[in-house]
């Protein structure tokens, strides 16, 4: 997936689950805009997270820098306490971009991939395992009609 594939506006649906149990769902919008150089995109998402256990809902925002170099994609935090820090690097494997190494955050390990589903959709999958965490996150993105 070249960086030009991502440019534009997207809607997404996200599921957070443990085994077969859905812990939460989210819907939102995301946008990829040109960064400081031709191989960098700024990703920003916002949406609403609904937790199934207690029926609570929360608004959220997240931003990453997508840095494309040769055949690799690196994600860098673009907000929060980790701003400017490397999150993960991915490389092509068929229609997927798979992580080169897991992301370690304290006692937690994050691993995953991006998968192109069509010219107008893709999936991001993340598995989180750790001392206090054991869940998966699947987000499916759809190119917006206006994007």
N, C-alpha and C. Protein backbone atom coordinates (compact mmCIF):
# COMPACT_ATOMS: atom_id res chain seq x y z
N UNK A 1 0.85 -1.18 0.00
CA UNK A 1 0.00 0.00 0.00
C UNK A 1 0.89 1.23 0.00
N UNK A 2 0.83 2.00 -1.05
CA UNK A 2 1.58 3.24 -1.14
C UNK A 2 0.89 4.33 -0.33
N UNK A 3 1.68 5.35 0.00
CA UNK A 3 1.09 6.41 0.83
C UNK A 3 -0.07 7.11 0.14
N UNK A 4 -0.08 7.13 -1.20
CA UNK A 4 -1.18 7.79 -1.91
C UNK A 4 -2.51 7.07 -1.68
N UNK A 5 -2.47 5.77 -1.36
CA UNK A 5 -3.70 5.02 -1.08
C UNK A 5 -4.44 5.63 0.11
N UNK A 6 -3.72 6.09 1.12
CA UNK A 6 -4.33 6.56 2.36
C UNK A 6 -4.89 7.98 2.29
N UNK A 7 -4.38 8.81 1.40
CA UNK A 7 -4.73 10.24 1.38
C UNK A 7 -6.24 10.43 1.25
N UNK A 8 -6.77 11.28 2.11
CA UNK A 8 -8.18 11.64 2.04
C UNK A 8 -8.93 11.38 3.32
N UNK A 9 -10.26 11.38 3.21
CA UNK A 9 -11.14 11.21 4.37
C UNK A 9 -11.72 9.81 4.39
N UNK A 10 -11.85 9.25 5.60
CA UNK A 10 -12.34 7.90 5.81
C UNK A 10 -13.34 7.90 6.96
N UNK A 11 -14.26 6.95 6.92
CA UNK A 11 -15.07 6.64 8.10
C UNK A 11 -14.56 5.28 8.60
N UNK A 12 -14.77 5.00 9.87
CA UNK A 12 -14.31 3.71 10.37
C UNK A 12 -15.27 3.15 11.41
N UNK A 13 -15.20 1.82 11.53
CA UNK A 13 -15.91 1.08 12.56
C UNK A 13 -14.87 0.22 13.28
N UNK A 14 -14.89 0.26 14.60
CA UNK A 14 -13.88 -0.43 15.40
C UNK A 14 -14.55 -1.35 16.40
N UNK A 15 -13.98 -2.54 16.57
CA UNK A 15 -14.43 -3.49 17.59
C UNK A 15 -13.25 -3.81 18.49
N UNK A 16 -13.50 -3.80 19.79
CA UNK A 16 -12.51 -4.20 20.78
C UNK A 16 -13.06 -5.46 21.42
N UNK A 17 -12.30 -6.55 21.35
CA UNK A 17 -12.84 -7.81 21.84
C UNK A 17 -11.79 -8.68 22.51
N UNK A 18 -12.28 -9.55 23.38
CA UNK A 18 -11.49 -10.58 24.05
C UNK A 18 -12.15 -11.90 23.68
N UNK A 19 -11.44 -12.72 22.93
CA UNK A 19 -12.06 -13.94 22.44
C UNK A 19 -13.26 -13.59 21.58
N UNK A 20 -14.41 -14.13 21.89
CA UNK A 20 -15.63 -13.84 21.15
C UNK A 20 -16.42 -12.68 21.76
N UNK A 21 -15.98 -12.19 22.91
CA UNK A 21 -16.73 -11.16 23.64
C UNK A 21 -16.33 -9.76 23.19
N UNK A 22 -17.31 -9.00 22.68
CA UNK A 22 -17.06 -7.62 22.28
C UNK A 22 -17.09 -6.74 23.53
N UNK A 23 -15.98 -6.07 23.79
CA UNK A 23 -15.87 -5.19 24.97
C UNK A 23 -16.30 -3.77 24.65
N UNK A 24 -16.16 -3.40 23.38
CA UNK A 24 -16.53 -2.05 22.98
C UNK A 24 -16.58 -1.91 21.48
N UNK A 25 -17.29 -0.88 21.04
CA UNK A 25 -17.36 -0.55 19.62
C UNK A 25 -17.15 0.95 19.47
N UNK A 26 -16.66 1.33 18.32
CA UNK A 26 -16.47 2.75 18.06
C UNK A 26 -16.77 3.04 16.60
N UNK A 27 -17.22 4.24 16.36
CA UNK A 27 -17.41 4.74 15.01
C UNK A 27 -16.79 6.13 14.97
N UNK A 28 -16.25 6.48 13.81
CA UNK A 28 -15.66 7.79 13.71
C UNK A 28 -15.21 8.12 12.31
N UNK A 29 -14.46 9.20 12.24
CA UNK A 29 -13.90 9.66 10.97
C UNK A 29 -12.40 9.83 11.13
N UNK A 30 -11.71 9.64 10.02
CA UNK A 30 -10.26 9.81 10.00
C UNK A 30 -9.88 10.57 8.74
N UNK A 31 -8.78 11.29 8.81
CA UNK A 31 -8.29 12.00 7.65
C UNK A 31 -6.77 11.84 7.58
N UNK A 32 -6.29 11.63 6.38
CA UNK A 32 -4.85 11.62 6.10
C UNK A 32 -4.55 12.86 5.27
N UNK A 33 -3.68 13.72 5.80
CA UNK A 33 -3.29 14.95 5.11
C UNK A 33 -1.79 14.95 4.88
N UNK A 34 -1.36 15.72 3.88
CA UNK A 34 0.07 15.82 3.56
C UNK A 34 0.84 16.32 4.77
N UNK A 35 2.02 15.73 4.97
CA UNK A 35 2.89 16.14 6.06
C UNK A 35 3.94 17.11 5.59
N UNK A 36 5.04 17.20 6.35
CA UNK A 36 6.10 18.16 6.05
C UNK A 36 6.90 17.80 4.80
N UNK A 37 6.93 16.51 4.45
CA UNK A 37 7.65 16.11 3.24
C UNK A 37 6.76 15.19 2.41
N UNK A 38 7.11 14.91 1.17
CA UNK A 38 6.23 14.13 0.28
C UNK A 38 5.97 12.69 0.73
N UNK A 39 6.76 12.16 1.64
CA UNK A 39 6.57 10.78 2.08
C UNK A 39 5.95 10.68 3.47
N UNK A 40 5.40 11.78 3.97
CA UNK A 40 4.80 11.81 5.30
C UNK A 40 3.34 12.23 5.21
N UNK A 41 2.49 11.50 5.94
CA UNK A 41 1.09 11.86 6.07
C UNK A 41 0.76 12.05 7.55
N UNK A 42 -0.14 12.97 7.83
CA UNK A 42 -0.63 13.18 9.19
C UNK A 42 -2.01 12.53 9.28
N UNK A 43 -2.14 11.58 10.20
CA UNK A 43 -3.38 10.85 10.42
C UNK A 43 -4.05 11.41 11.67
N UNK A 44 -5.33 11.77 11.56
CA UNK A 44 -6.09 12.24 12.71
C UNK A 44 -7.44 11.55 12.70
N UNK A 45 -7.84 11.01 13.86
CA UNK A 45 -9.14 10.37 13.97
C UNK A 45 -9.89 10.95 15.15
N UNK A 46 -11.23 10.91 15.02
CA UNK A 46 -12.10 11.29 16.14
C UNK A 46 -13.34 10.43 16.04
N UNK A 47 -13.91 10.15 17.19
CA UNK A 47 -15.09 9.31 17.18
C UNK A 47 -15.69 9.15 18.55
N UNK A 48 -16.57 8.16 18.64
CA UNK A 48 -17.28 7.86 19.87
C UNK A 48 -17.08 6.37 20.19
N UNK A 49 -16.60 6.09 21.40
CA UNK A 49 -16.38 4.72 21.87
C UNK A 49 -17.52 4.35 22.81
N UNK A 50 -18.10 3.17 22.56
CA UNK A 50 -19.19 2.67 23.40
C UNK A 50 -18.71 1.38 24.07
N UNK A 51 -18.67 1.36 25.42
CA UNK A 51 -18.28 0.17 26.17
C UNK A 51 -19.51 -0.67 26.47
N UNK A 52 -19.45 -1.95 26.12
CA UNK A 52 -20.64 -2.80 26.24
C UNK A 52 -20.94 -3.19 27.69
N UNK A 53 -19.91 -3.36 28.51
CA UNK A 53 -20.12 -3.83 29.89
C UNK A 53 -20.95 -2.88 30.74
N UNK A 54 -20.63 -1.59 30.67
CA UNK A 54 -21.33 -0.62 31.52
C UNK A 54 -22.15 0.40 30.73
N UNK A 55 -22.19 0.22 29.41
CA UNK A 55 -23.00 1.07 28.53
C UNK A 55 -22.54 2.52 28.52
N UNK A 56 -21.30 2.79 28.89
CA UNK A 56 -20.75 4.15 28.85
C UNK A 56 -20.23 4.46 27.46
N UNK A 57 -20.26 5.75 27.10
CA UNK A 57 -19.72 6.22 25.82
C UNK A 57 -18.76 7.37 26.07
N UNK A 58 -17.72 7.44 25.23
CA UNK A 58 -16.69 8.46 25.36
C UNK A 58 -16.29 8.96 23.97
N UNK A 59 -16.04 10.24 23.86
CA UNK A 59 -15.46 10.80 22.65
C UNK A 59 -13.96 10.60 22.71
N UNK A 60 -13.32 10.44 21.55
CA UNK A 60 -11.87 10.29 21.52
C UNK A 60 -11.28 10.97 20.31
N UNK A 61 -9.98 11.24 20.40
CA UNK A 61 -9.18 11.82 19.32
C UNK A 61 -7.81 11.18 19.37
N UNK A 62 -7.20 10.93 18.20
CA UNK A 62 -5.86 10.34 18.14
C UNK A 62 -5.18 10.83 16.88
N UNK A 63 -3.88 11.01 16.92
CA UNK A 63 -3.13 11.43 15.74
C UNK A 63 -1.78 10.72 15.68
N UNK A 64 -1.41 10.32 14.47
CA UNK A 64 -0.11 9.70 14.21
C UNK A 64 0.50 10.34 12.98
N UNK A 65 1.81 10.29 12.90
CA UNK A 65 2.53 10.63 11.67
C UNK A 65 2.83 9.31 10.98
N UNK A 66 2.43 9.19 9.73
CA UNK A 66 2.73 8.02 8.90
C UNK A 66 3.92 8.39 8.02
N UNK A 67 5.05 7.76 8.27
CA UNK A 67 6.28 8.07 7.55
C UNK A 67 6.63 6.90 6.63
N UNK A 68 6.55 7.13 5.32
CA UNK A 68 6.83 6.10 4.32
C UNK A 68 8.26 6.24 3.84
N UNK A 69 9.04 5.16 3.96
CA UNK A 69 10.42 5.14 3.48
C UNK A 69 10.68 3.83 2.77
N UNK A 70 11.08 3.91 1.49
CA UNK A 70 11.32 2.72 0.67
C UNK A 70 10.10 1.80 0.76
N UNK A 71 10.26 0.60 1.31
CA UNK A 71 9.13 -0.32 1.41
C UNK A 71 8.61 -0.45 2.84
N UNK A 72 8.84 0.54 3.66
CA UNK A 72 8.42 0.47 5.06
C UNK A 72 7.53 1.65 5.43
N UNK A 73 6.69 1.42 6.43
CA UNK A 73 5.83 2.46 7.00
C UNK A 73 6.11 2.52 8.49
N UNK A 74 6.46 3.70 8.99
CA UNK A 74 6.66 3.90 10.43
C UNK A 74 5.57 4.82 10.96
N UNK A 75 5.01 4.44 12.11
CA UNK A 75 4.02 5.27 12.79
C UNK A 75 4.68 5.94 13.98
N UNK A 76 4.44 7.24 14.10
CA UNK A 76 5.00 8.06 15.17
C UNK A 76 3.84 8.77 15.86
N UNK A 77 3.82 8.72 17.19
CA UNK A 77 2.76 9.41 17.93
C UNK A 77 2.78 10.90 17.60
N UNK A 78 1.61 11.47 17.38
CA UNK A 78 1.51 12.88 17.05
C UNK A 78 0.63 13.63 18.05
N UNK A 79 0.40 13.02 19.21
CA UNK A 79 -0.36 13.68 20.27
C UNK A 79 -0.08 12.96 21.59
N UNK A 80 -0.62 13.49 22.66
CA UNK A 80 -0.51 12.84 23.96
C UNK A 80 0.89 12.86 24.55
N UNK A 81 1.08 12.06 25.60
CA UNK A 81 2.35 12.06 26.33
C UNK A 81 3.49 11.44 25.51
N UNK A 82 3.15 10.65 24.49
CA UNK A 82 4.19 10.00 23.67
C UNK A 82 4.50 10.73 22.38
N UNK A 83 4.04 11.97 22.23
CA UNK A 83 4.23 12.71 20.99
C UNK A 83 5.70 12.67 20.54
N UNK A 84 5.88 12.39 19.26
CA UNK A 84 7.23 12.32 18.69
C UNK A 84 7.92 10.98 18.85
N UNK A 85 7.36 10.07 19.62
CA UNK A 85 7.98 8.75 19.83
C UNK A 85 7.49 7.75 18.79
N UNK A 86 8.37 6.85 18.44
CA UNK A 86 8.07 5.79 17.48
C UNK A 86 7.07 4.81 18.08
N UNK A 87 6.05 4.42 17.30
CA UNK A 87 5.09 3.40 17.74
C UNK A 87 5.46 2.05 17.14
N UNK A 88 5.47 1.96 15.80
CA UNK A 88 5.73 0.67 15.17
C UNK A 88 6.11 0.90 13.71
N UNK A 89 6.87 -0.06 13.13
CA UNK A 89 7.23 -0.03 11.72
C UNK A 89 6.67 -1.27 11.05
N UNK A 90 6.15 -1.09 9.83
CA UNK A 90 5.50 -2.15 9.07
C UNK A 90 6.20 -2.33 7.73
N UNK A 91 6.11 -3.54 7.18
CA UNK A 91 6.66 -3.82 5.85
C UNK A 91 5.62 -4.60 5.05
N UNK A 92 5.67 -4.52 3.71
CA UNK A 92 4.69 -5.22 2.89
C UNK A 92 4.81 -6.74 2.97
N UNK A 93 3.65 -7.39 2.94
CA UNK A 93 3.57 -8.84 2.83
C UNK A 93 2.24 -9.12 2.13
N UNK A 94 2.26 -9.26 0.81
CA UNK A 94 1.04 -9.39 0.03
C UNK A 94 0.24 -8.10 0.10
N UNK A 95 -1.04 -8.21 0.43
CA UNK A 95 -1.92 -7.04 0.56
C UNK A 95 -1.85 -6.45 1.97
N UNK A 96 -0.94 -6.95 2.78
CA UNK A 96 -0.81 -6.47 4.16
C UNK A 96 0.48 -5.68 4.36
N UNK A 97 0.44 -4.82 5.37
CA UNK A 97 1.64 -4.22 5.94
C UNK A 97 1.72 -4.82 7.34
N UNK A 98 2.73 -5.65 7.59
CA UNK A 98 2.85 -6.35 8.87
C UNK A 98 3.95 -5.71 9.70
N UNK A 99 3.79 -5.76 11.02
CA UNK A 99 4.77 -5.13 11.90
C UNK A 99 6.09 -5.89 11.86
N UNK A 100 7.18 -5.14 11.86
CA UNK A 100 8.51 -5.73 11.91
C UNK A 100 8.80 -6.29 13.29
N UNK A 101 8.46 -5.54 14.30
CA UNK A 101 8.63 -5.97 15.69
C UNK A 101 7.46 -5.43 16.50
N UNK A 102 7.08 -6.13 17.55
CA UNK A 102 5.99 -5.63 18.40
C UNK A 102 6.38 -4.33 19.09
N UNK A 103 5.37 -3.56 19.44
CA UNK A 103 5.57 -2.35 20.23
C UNK A 103 5.46 -2.74 21.70
N UNK A 104 6.48 -2.39 22.48
CA UNK A 104 6.49 -2.70 23.91
C UNK A 104 6.15 -1.43 24.68
N UNK A 105 5.13 -1.52 25.53
CA UNK A 105 4.73 -0.40 26.37
C UNK A 105 4.60 -0.93 27.79
N UNK A 106 5.64 -0.75 28.58
CA UNK A 106 5.66 -1.31 29.93
C UNK A 106 5.60 -2.82 29.84
N UNK A 107 4.61 -3.42 30.49
CA UNK A 107 4.45 -4.87 30.47
C UNK A 107 3.54 -5.34 29.33
N UNK A 108 3.11 -4.41 28.46
CA UNK A 108 2.18 -4.74 27.39
C UNK A 108 2.88 -4.79 26.03
N UNK A 109 2.42 -5.70 25.19
CA UNK A 109 2.99 -5.90 23.85
C UNK A 109 1.88 -5.70 22.83
N UNK A 110 2.12 -4.80 21.86
CA UNK A 110 1.17 -4.50 20.80
C UNK A 110 1.75 -5.00 19.48
N UNK A 111 0.94 -5.73 18.72
CA UNK A 111 1.40 -6.24 17.43
C UNK A 111 0.22 -6.22 16.47
N UNK A 112 0.48 -6.09 15.18
CA UNK A 112 -0.65 -6.06 14.26
C UNK A 112 -0.25 -5.84 12.83
N UNK A 113 -1.26 -5.47 12.03
CA UNK A 113 -1.05 -5.27 10.60
C UNK A 113 -2.14 -4.37 10.02
N UNK A 114 -1.85 -3.87 8.82
CA UNK A 114 -2.83 -3.19 7.98
C UNK A 114 -3.10 -4.13 6.81
N UNK A 115 -4.34 -4.19 6.35
CA UNK A 115 -4.68 -5.06 5.22
C UNK A 115 -5.61 -4.33 4.27
N UNK A 116 -5.19 -4.23 3.01
CA UNK A 116 -6.02 -3.61 1.99
C UNK A 116 -7.15 -4.57 1.64
N UNK A 117 -8.39 -4.09 1.74
CA UNK A 117 -9.57 -4.90 1.42
C UNK A 117 -10.07 -4.62 0.01
N UNK A 118 -9.96 -3.36 -0.42
CA UNK A 118 -10.36 -2.95 -1.77
C UNK A 118 -9.68 -1.61 -2.04
N UNK A 119 -10.00 -1.01 -3.17
CA UNK A 119 -9.43 0.30 -3.47
C UNK A 119 -9.97 1.39 -2.57
N UNK A 120 -11.05 1.08 -1.84
CA UNK A 120 -11.69 2.07 -0.97
C UNK A 120 -11.89 1.60 0.46
N UNK A 121 -11.17 0.54 0.86
CA UNK A 121 -11.30 0.09 2.25
C UNK A 121 -10.05 -0.68 2.68
N UNK A 122 -9.79 -0.61 3.98
CA UNK A 122 -8.69 -1.38 4.57
C UNK A 122 -9.00 -1.66 6.02
N UNK A 123 -8.27 -2.64 6.57
CA UNK A 123 -8.46 -3.04 7.96
C UNK A 123 -7.13 -2.84 8.70
N UNK A 124 -7.25 -2.40 9.95
CA UNK A 124 -6.11 -2.38 10.85
C UNK A 124 -6.45 -3.30 12.02
N UNK A 125 -5.53 -4.21 12.31
CA UNK A 125 -5.73 -5.18 13.39
C UNK A 125 -4.59 -5.02 14.38
N UNK A 126 -4.93 -5.00 15.68
CA UNK A 126 -3.93 -4.89 16.75
C UNK A 126 -4.27 -5.92 17.83
N UNK A 127 -3.28 -6.69 18.24
CA UNK A 127 -3.40 -7.64 19.35
C UNK A 127 -2.57 -7.08 20.49
N UNK A 128 -3.17 -7.00 21.69
CA UNK A 128 -2.49 -6.47 22.87
C UNK A 128 -2.46 -7.56 23.93
N UNK A 129 -1.25 -7.89 24.37
CA UNK A 129 -1.08 -8.89 25.43
C UNK A 129 -0.16 -8.30 26.48
N UNK A 130 -0.49 -8.50 27.73
CA UNK A 130 0.37 -8.00 28.79
C UNK A 130 -0.07 -8.49 30.15
N UNK A 131 0.56 -7.96 31.17
CA UNK A 131 0.27 -8.36 32.54
C UNK A 131 -1.20 -8.08 32.90
N UNK A 132 -1.74 -6.97 32.39
CA UNK A 132 -3.12 -6.59 32.71
C UNK A 132 -3.99 -6.48 31.46
N UNK A 133 -3.42 -6.72 30.29
CA UNK A 133 -4.17 -6.53 29.05
C UNK A 133 -4.16 -7.80 28.22
N UNK A 134 -5.29 -8.10 27.60
CA UNK A 134 -5.41 -9.22 26.68
C UNK A 134 -6.64 -8.96 25.83
N UNK A 135 -6.45 -8.24 24.72
CA UNK A 135 -7.57 -7.91 23.86
C UNK A 135 -7.09 -7.69 22.43
N UNK A 136 -8.05 -7.61 21.52
CA UNK A 136 -7.78 -7.36 20.11
C UNK A 136 -8.62 -6.17 19.66
N UNK A 137 -8.10 -5.44 18.70
CA UNK A 137 -8.81 -4.29 18.14
C UNK A 137 -8.81 -4.44 16.63
N UNK A 138 -10.00 -4.41 16.05
CA UNK A 138 -10.11 -4.46 14.60
C UNK A 138 -10.84 -3.22 14.13
N UNK A 139 -10.22 -2.47 13.24
CA UNK A 139 -10.81 -1.26 12.69
C UNK A 139 -10.89 -1.42 11.18
N UNK A 140 -12.08 -1.21 10.63
CA UNK A 140 -12.25 -1.24 9.19
C UNK A 140 -12.57 0.16 8.72
N UNK A 141 -11.77 0.63 7.74
CA UNK A 141 -11.89 1.98 7.20
C UNK A 141 -12.54 1.94 5.82
N UNK A 142 -13.41 2.92 5.56
CA UNK A 142 -14.08 3.05 4.28
C UNK A 142 -13.85 4.47 3.78
N UNK A 143 -13.38 4.60 2.54
CA UNK A 143 -13.14 5.93 1.98
C UNK A 143 -14.46 6.69 1.97
N UNK A 144 -14.45 7.92 2.45
CA UNK A 144 -15.66 8.75 2.48
C UNK A 144 -16.06 9.13 1.07
N UNK A 145 -17.36 9.29 0.88
CA UNK A 145 -17.88 9.71 -0.42
C UNK A 145 -17.24 11.02 -0.87
N UNK A 146 -17.03 11.92 0.08
CA UNK A 146 -16.44 13.22 -0.24
C UNK A 146 -14.93 13.18 -0.35
N UNK A 147 -14.30 12.03 0.08
CA UNK A 147 -12.85 11.94 0.14
C UNK A 147 -12.18 11.53 -1.06
